[in-house]
Structures are given as C-alpha cells and as structure tokens.
Amino acid sequence: MTAPANYGQLTGTYELDPAHTRIGFVARHAMVTKVRGAFNEFTGKAEIDGDNPEKSSASVTIKAASIDTRNADRDAHLRSNDFLQMDEYPEITFTSTEIKQTGDNEFDVSGDLTIRGVTKPVTIPFTFEGTAQDPFGNTRIGFEGSTVINRKDYGITWNATLETGGVLVSDKVTLEFEVSAIKTA
C-alpha cells in the first residue's frame, strides 16, 4: 500500500467495501468501562477529485437495525425508542458538504449527520492510509477517522442514574470509521 505523491491518480467513483470497512462507536458504560459496537449493514459512495480534493464528496447510509455490540439484549434496547427508534428512523445518514485537505495525508470531511430524523453538522478528520491493487484487479483506497458527538443533540436522551452517582450511558459517543473503498469508475 502506497500513498501517492499526487492524488490525481485517485480521481474516480468509489464504493465502500462492507467486508473490509468498519463503522463503529464507543460509549462509556456505568462510568467505568467502554462499550464498543459497530453497524454491520451500510452502503457508501465517494466521488474523488484527486487534483481538487475540495471538489470531492462522500455519502453513507447505515441500517440502524444492524447495530451490533455483541449483546442481544443491549442491541434490542439500542434499537428501541429509548435510543435509535429504528422502526420510525430505519437509517442513519451522512452526506458531505465540504472536504478540506489539512495535511499531506489528512482531510477534514464535514457534512450532515442524520440520526433519528435530526440533522446536525459534523466534521470528521480522516487520514488517507493508501491505495493498493487487490488480487482481483480492483483499485482500493483506505481512510481512517473518528469524531465525538453528543447523543443528546440527536434526541437520544435515555439514561439511568447509578447509586454511586453518575449515569449508565455517557452523552458523548465516539464514531469510528475504518474505510476500504473500491474504485468503480
């Protein structure tokens, strides 16, 4: 995997490879530990202009029901009206509004994140991990990034107070993106 000195060769249309992409999250639980999870079903697309990265765009659609924290009871609660309210809001979406190159391999991807029907602007700093030709002749690119959101900004306010003080679920949630995308055009 090599990072190109010139991003021009990356110009094209890319689709997320779900088998090699992780869209995850981390939240504090009971004030003492972290719960990690991921969404297993999503689609995403990027239009990359390697010569003018600011003209690039990206979008992702996540199936809320695909949330997976490796605990069936917790996942059912997260899908419920207390959290993602997935029956009414089956998708979480992100659509970029601006992309800025901030370093040699760093890009800020700003856009609209919609959870439970509430749309808020977020900026996700990404690092370009490189490009490679896979054994099947596909051109792949990799990016990693993360950002912290406040779940209350999206109307997700359920919590439980602990006897020791504090709360069961943190307001702040870290969103994590490990992206592998395949060039399609």
Foldseek 3Di string as FASTA:
>chain_A
DDADQFQQVVAFKKKFDLVQKWKKKWWDFPNPHIQIKTFNDKIKMKGARRNDRFPIWMKMKTFLLRIDRPDVVVSVVCCPPLHQVCVVPRIWMWIFDTWDADDSFKIWTWTWTATNNQTDIDIKIKGWPHWDQDPVRWIKTWIKTKDKDFRVSNVNDDWAADPVGDIGIHRIMMIIIITIITGDD
